[in-house]
Amino acid sequence: MSSENKSLLTKGIGGIGAALLVLNGLIGAGIFALPAKMALSSALSALTSF
């Protein structure tokens, strides 16, 4: 690699990448948290209906 190409390549996330990483974490947590809450509420209502 020439010195010109090395200066173009950086190992960094940046502000937009960091914001998207946080958004990804929020969405990922929601995928697992919401079904757990729904299962808990449906189980409680099923137990009380009998």
PDB file of N, CA and C in Angstrom:
ATOM      1  N   MET A   1       0.836  -1.173   0.000  1.00  0.00           N
ATOM      2  CA  MET A   1       0.000   0.000   0.000  1.00  0.00           C
ATOM      3  C   MET A   1       0.883   1.239   0.000  1.00  0.00           C
ATOM      4  N   SER A   2       0.474   2.192  -0.737  1.00  0.00           N
ATOM      5  CA  SER A   2       1.236   3.442  -0.743  1.00  0.00           C
ATOM      6  C   SER A   2       0.824   4.308   0.442  1.00  0.00           C
ATOM      7  N   SER A   3       1.587   5.324   0.712  1.00  0.00           N
ATOM      8  CA  SER A   3       1.286   6.196   1.853  1.00  0.00           C
ATOM      9  C   SER A   3      -0.004   6.988   1.633  1.00  0.00           C
ATOM     10  N   GLU A   4      -0.390   7.206   0.393  1.00  0.00           N
ATOM     11  CA  GLU A   4      -1.634   7.911   0.113  1.00  0.00           C
ATOM     12  C   GLU A   4      -2.845   7.069   0.520  1.00  0.00           C
ATOM     13  N   ASN A   5      -2.804   5.778   0.240  1.00  0.00           N
ATOM     14  CA  ASN A   5      -3.922   4.902   0.587  1.00  0.00           C
ATOM     15  C   ASN A   5      -4.021   4.693   2.089  1.00  0.00           C
ATOM     16  N   LYS A   6      -2.899   4.664   2.791  1.00  0.00           N
ATOM     17  CA  LYS A   6      -2.931   4.471   4.235  1.00  0.00           C
ATOM     18  C   LYS A   6      -3.609   5.639   4.938  1.00  0.00           C
ATOM     19  N   SER A   7      -3.452   6.824   4.427  1.00  0.00           N
ATOM     20  CA  SER A   7      -4.060   7.979   5.071  1.00  0.00           C
ATOM     21  C   SER A   7      -5.578   8.012   4.873  1.00  0.00           C
ATOM     22  N   LEU A   8      -6.087   7.331   3.872  1.00  0.00           N
ATOM     23  CA  LEU A   8      -7.534   7.302   3.634  1.00  0.00           C
ATOM     24  C   LEU A   8      -8.251   6.284   4.516  1.00  0.00           C
ATOM     25  N   LEU A   9      -7.533   5.260   4.965  1.00  0.00           N
ATOM     26  CA  LEU A   9      -8.154   4.209   5.763  1.00  0.00           C
ATOM     27  C   LEU A   9      -8.035   4.550   7.247  1.00  0.00           C
ATOM     28  N   THR A  10      -9.170   4.611   7.939  1.00  0.00           N
ATOM     29  CA  THR A  10      -9.157   4.889   9.368  1.00  0.00           C
ATOM     30  C   THR A  10      -9.948   3.821  10.103  1.00  0.00           C
ATOM     31  N   LYS A  11      -9.575   3.595  11.354  1.00  0.00           N
ATOM     32  CA  LYS A  11     -10.297   2.643  12.199  1.00  0.00           C
ATOM     33  C   LYS A  11     -11.080   3.441  13.232  1.00  0.00           C
ATOM     34  N   GLY A  12     -12.239   3.913  12.856  1.00  0.00           N
ATOM     35  CA  GLY A  12     -13.048   4.700  13.772  1.00  0.00           C
ATOM     36  C   GLY A  12     -14.518   4.509  13.498  1.00  0.00           C
ATOM     37  N   ILE A  13     -15.316   4.715  14.524  1.00  0.00           N
ATOM     38  CA  ILE A  13     -16.769   4.574  14.373  1.00  0.00           C
ATOM     39  C   ILE A  13     -17.386   5.902  13.982  1.00  0.00           C
ATOM     40  N   GLY A  14     -17.064   6.946  14.691  1.00  0.00           N
ATOM     41  CA  GLY A  14     -17.636   8.254  14.408  1.00  0.00           C
ATOM     42  C   GLY A  14     -18.943   8.454  15.144  1.00  0.00           C
ATOM     43  N   GLY A  15     -19.476   9.645  15.031  1.00  0.00           N
ATOM     44  CA  GLY A  15     -20.701   9.991  15.744  1.00  0.00           C
ATOM     45  C   GLY A  15     -21.927   9.264  15.225  1.00  0.00           C
ATOM     46  N   ILE A  16     -22.051   9.177  13.927  1.00  0.00           N
ATOM     47  CA  ILE A  16     -23.229   8.511  13.334  1.00  0.00           C
ATOM     48  C   ILE A  16     -23.187   7.013  13.622  1.00  0.00           C
ATOM     49  N   GLY A  17     -22.014   6.434  13.521  1.00  0.00           N
ATOM     50  CA  GLY A  17     -21.879   5.007  13.817  1.00  0.00           C
ATOM     51  C   GLY A  17     -22.191   4.688  15.264  1.00  0.00           C
ATOM     52  N   ALA A  18     -21.756   5.560  16.182  1.00  0.00           N
ATOM     53  CA  ALA A  18     -22.044   5.355  17.596  1.00  0.00           C
ATOM     54  C   ALA A  18     -23.536   5.485  17.873  1.00  0.00           C
ATOM     55  N   ALA A  19     -24.189   6.445  17.225  1.00  0.00           N
ATOM     56  CA  ALA A  19     -25.635   6.610  17.407  1.00  0.00           C
ATOM     57  C   ALA A  19     -26.393   5.400  16.873  1.00  0.00           C
ATOM     58  N   LEU A  20     -25.967   4.881  15.745  1.00  0.00           N
ATOM     59  CA  LEU A  20     -26.617   3.693  15.191  1.00  0.00           C
ATOM     60  C   LEU A  20     -26.364   2.461  16.050  1.00  0.00           C
ATOM     61  N   LEU A  21     -25.219   2.403  16.692  1.00  0.00           N
ATOM     62  CA  LEU A  21     -24.915   1.298  17.596  1.00  0.00           C
ATOM     63  C   LEU A  21     -25.844   1.319  18.808  1.00  0.00           C
ATOM     64  N   VAL A  22     -26.118   2.499  19.334  1.00  0.00           N
ATOM     65  CA  VAL A  22     -27.061   2.636  20.453  1.00  0.00           C
ATOM     66  C   VAL A  22     -28.469   2.271  20.005  1.00  0.00           C
ATOM     67  N   LEU A  23     -28.866   2.734  18.838  1.00  0.00           N
ATOM     68  CA  LEU A  23     -30.192   2.405  18.307  1.00  0.00           C
ATOM     69  C   LEU A  23     -30.332   0.899  18.102  1.00  0.00           C
ATOM     70  N   ASN A  24     -29.293   0.266  17.627  1.00  0.00           N
ATOM     71  CA  ASN A  24     -29.300  -1.181  17.431  1.00  0.00           C
ATOM     72  C   ASN A  24     -29.488  -1.896  18.769  1.00  0.00           C
ATOM     73  N   GLY A  25     -28.850  -1.409  19.811  1.00  0.00           N
ATOM     74  CA  GLY A  25     -29.008  -2.002  21.128  1.00  0.00           C
ATOM     75  C   GLY A  25     -30.418  -1.853  21.665  1.00  0.00           C
ATOM     76  N   LEU A  26     -31.016  -0.692  21.430  1.00  0.00           N
ATOM     77  CA  LEU A  26     -32.391  -0.473  21.886  1.00  0.00           C
ATOM     78  C   LEU A  26     -33.377  -1.378  21.161  1.00  0.00           C
ATOM     79  N   ILE A  27     -33.206  -1.506  19.874  1.00  0.00           N
ATOM     80  CA  ILE A  27     -34.107  -2.367  19.101  1.00  0.00           C
ATOM     81  C   ILE A  27     -33.900  -3.826  19.491  1.00  0.00           C
ATOM     82  N   GLY A  28     -32.647  -4.227  19.649  1.00  0.00           N
ATOM     83  CA  GLY A  28     -32.354  -5.606  20.050  1.00  0.00           C
ATOM     84  C   GLY A  28     -32.914  -5.943  21.412  1.00  0.00           C
ATOM     85  N   ALA A  29     -32.833  -5.005  22.343  1.00  0.00           N
ATOM     86  CA  ALA A  29     -33.395  -5.237  23.674  1.00  0.00           C
ATOM     87  C   ALA A  29     -34.918  -5.324  23.605  1.00  0.00           C
ATOM     88  N   GLY A  30     -35.514  -4.528  22.754  1.00  0.00           N
ATOM     89  CA  GLY A  30     -36.967  -4.554  22.599  1.00  0.00           C
ATOM     90  C   GLY A  30     -37.473  -5.853  22.007  1.00  0.00           C
ATOM     91  N   ILE A  31     -36.684  -6.453  21.150  1.00  0.00           N
ATOM     92  CA  ILE A  31     -37.093  -7.722  20.532  1.00  0.00           C
ATOM     93  C   ILE A  31     -37.229  -8.809  21.587  1.00  0.00           C
ATOM     94  N   PHE A  32     -36.363  -8.781  22.600  1.00  0.00           N
ATOM     95  CA  PHE A  32     -36.430  -9.811  23.633  1.00  0.00           C
ATOM     96  C   PHE A  32     -37.296  -9.399  24.818  1.00  0.00           C
ATOM     97  N   ALA A  33     -37.394  -8.118  25.110  1.00  0.00           N
ATOM     98  CA  ALA A  33     -38.140  -7.674  26.293  1.00  0.00           C
ATOM     99  C   ALA A  33     -39.644  -7.698  26.055  1.00  0.00           C
ATOM    100  N   LEU A  34     -40.107  -7.275  24.916  1.00  0.00           N
ATOM    101  CA  LEU A  34     -41.546  -7.201  24.660  1.00  0.00           C
ATOM    102  C   LEU A  34     -42.205  -8.579  24.659  1.00  0.00           C
ATOM    103  N   PRO A  35     -41.676  -9.581  23.972  1.00  0.00           N
ATOM    104  CA  PRO A  35     -42.322 -10.897  24.052  1.00  0.00           C
ATOM    105  C   PRO A  35     -42.328 -11.479  25.464  1.00  0.00           C
ATOM    106  N   ALA A  36     -41.301 -11.170  26.253  1.00  0.00           N
ATOM    107  CA  ALA A  36     -41.269 -11.673  27.632  1.00  0.00           C
ATOM    108  C   ALA A  36     -42.382 -11.037  28.453  1.00  0.00           C
ATOM    109  N   LYS A  37     -42.605  -9.735  28.268  1.00  0.00           N
ATOM    110  CA  LYS A  37     -43.685  -9.061  28.988  1.00  0.00           C
ATOM    111  C   LYS A  37     -45.045  -9.593  28.546  1.00  0.00           C
ATOM    112  N   MET A  38     -45.192  -9.832  27.250  1.00  0.00           N
ATOM    113  CA  MET A  38     -46.463 -10.340  26.743  1.00  0.00           C
ATOM    114  C   MET A  38     -46.724 -11.751  27.258  1.00  0.00           C
ATOM    115  N   ALA A  39     -45.703 -12.581  27.310  1.00  0.00           N
ATOM    116  CA  ALA A  39     -45.871 -13.943  27.807  1.00  0.00           C
ATOM    117  C   ALA A  39     -46.222 -13.940  29.282  1.00  0.00           C
ATOM    118  N   LEU A  40     -45.604 -13.043  30.043  1.00  0.00           N
ATOM    119  CA  LEU A  40     -45.906 -12.960  31.467  1.00  0.00           C
ATOM    120  C   LEU A  40     -47.343 -12.510  31.693  1.00  0.00           C
ATOM    121  N   SER A  41     -47.782 -11.505  30.960  1.00  0.00           N
ATOM    122  CA  SER A  41     -49.149 -11.016  31.152  1.00  0.00           C
ATOM    123  C   SER A  41     -50.189 -12.039  30.694  1.00  0.00           C
ATOM    124  N   SER A  42     -49.898 -12.766  29.628  1.00  0.00           N
ATOM    125  CA  SER A  42     -50.859 -13.770  29.171  1.00  0.00           C
ATOM    126  C   SER A  42     -50.883 -14.968  30.117  1.00  0.00           C
ATOM    127  N   ALA A  43     -49.740 -15.293  30.708  1.00  0.00           N
ATOM    128  CA  ALA A  43     -49.716 -16.404  31.660  1.00  0.00           C
ATOM    129  C   ALA A  43     -50.488 -16.049  32.923  1.00  0.00           C
ATOM    130  N   LEU A  44     -50.346 -14.819  33.379  1.00  0.00           N
ATOM    131  CA  LEU A  44     -51.071 -14.401  34.578  1.00  0.00           C
ATOM    132  C   LEU A  44     -52.569 -14.373  34.324  1.00  0.00           C
ATOM    133  N   SER A  45     -52.985 -13.907  33.161  1.00  0.00           N
ATOM    134  CA  SER A  45     -54.418 -13.864  32.874  1.00  0.00           C
ATOM    135  C   SER A  45     -54.967 -15.267  32.648  1.00  0.00           C
ATOM    136  N   ALA A  46     -54.140 -16.163  32.105  1.00  0.00           N
ATOM    137  CA  ALA A  46     -54.605 -17.541  31.914  1.00  0.00           C
ATOM    138  C   ALA A  46     -54.778 -18.244  33.250  1.00  0.00           C
ATOM    139  N   LEU A  47     -53.886 -17.953  34.192  1.00  0.00           N
ATOM    140  CA  LEU A  47     -54.008 -18.594  35.507  1.00  0.00           C
ATOM    141  C   LEU A  47     -55.223 -18.076  36.274  1.00  0.00           C
ATOM    142  N   THR A  48     -55.531 -16.809  36.131  1.00  0.00           N
ATOM    143  CA  THR A  48     -56.656 -16.240  36.862  1.00  0.00           C
ATOM    144  C   THR A  48     -58.003 -16.598  36.226  1.00  0.00           C
ATOM    145  N   SER A  49     -57.993 -16.997  34.958  1.00  0.00           N
ATOM    146  CA  SER A  49     -59.258 -17.322  34.305  1.00  0.00           C
ATOM    147  C   SER A  49     -59.762 -18.714  34.706  1.00  0.00           C
ATOM    148  N   PHE A  50     -58.887 -19.555  35.214  1.00  0.00           N
ATOM    149  CA  PHE A  50     -59.335 -20.885  35.635  1.00  0.00           C
ATOM    150  C   PHE A  50     -59.778 -20.803  37.021  1.00  0.00           C
TER     151      PHE A  50
END
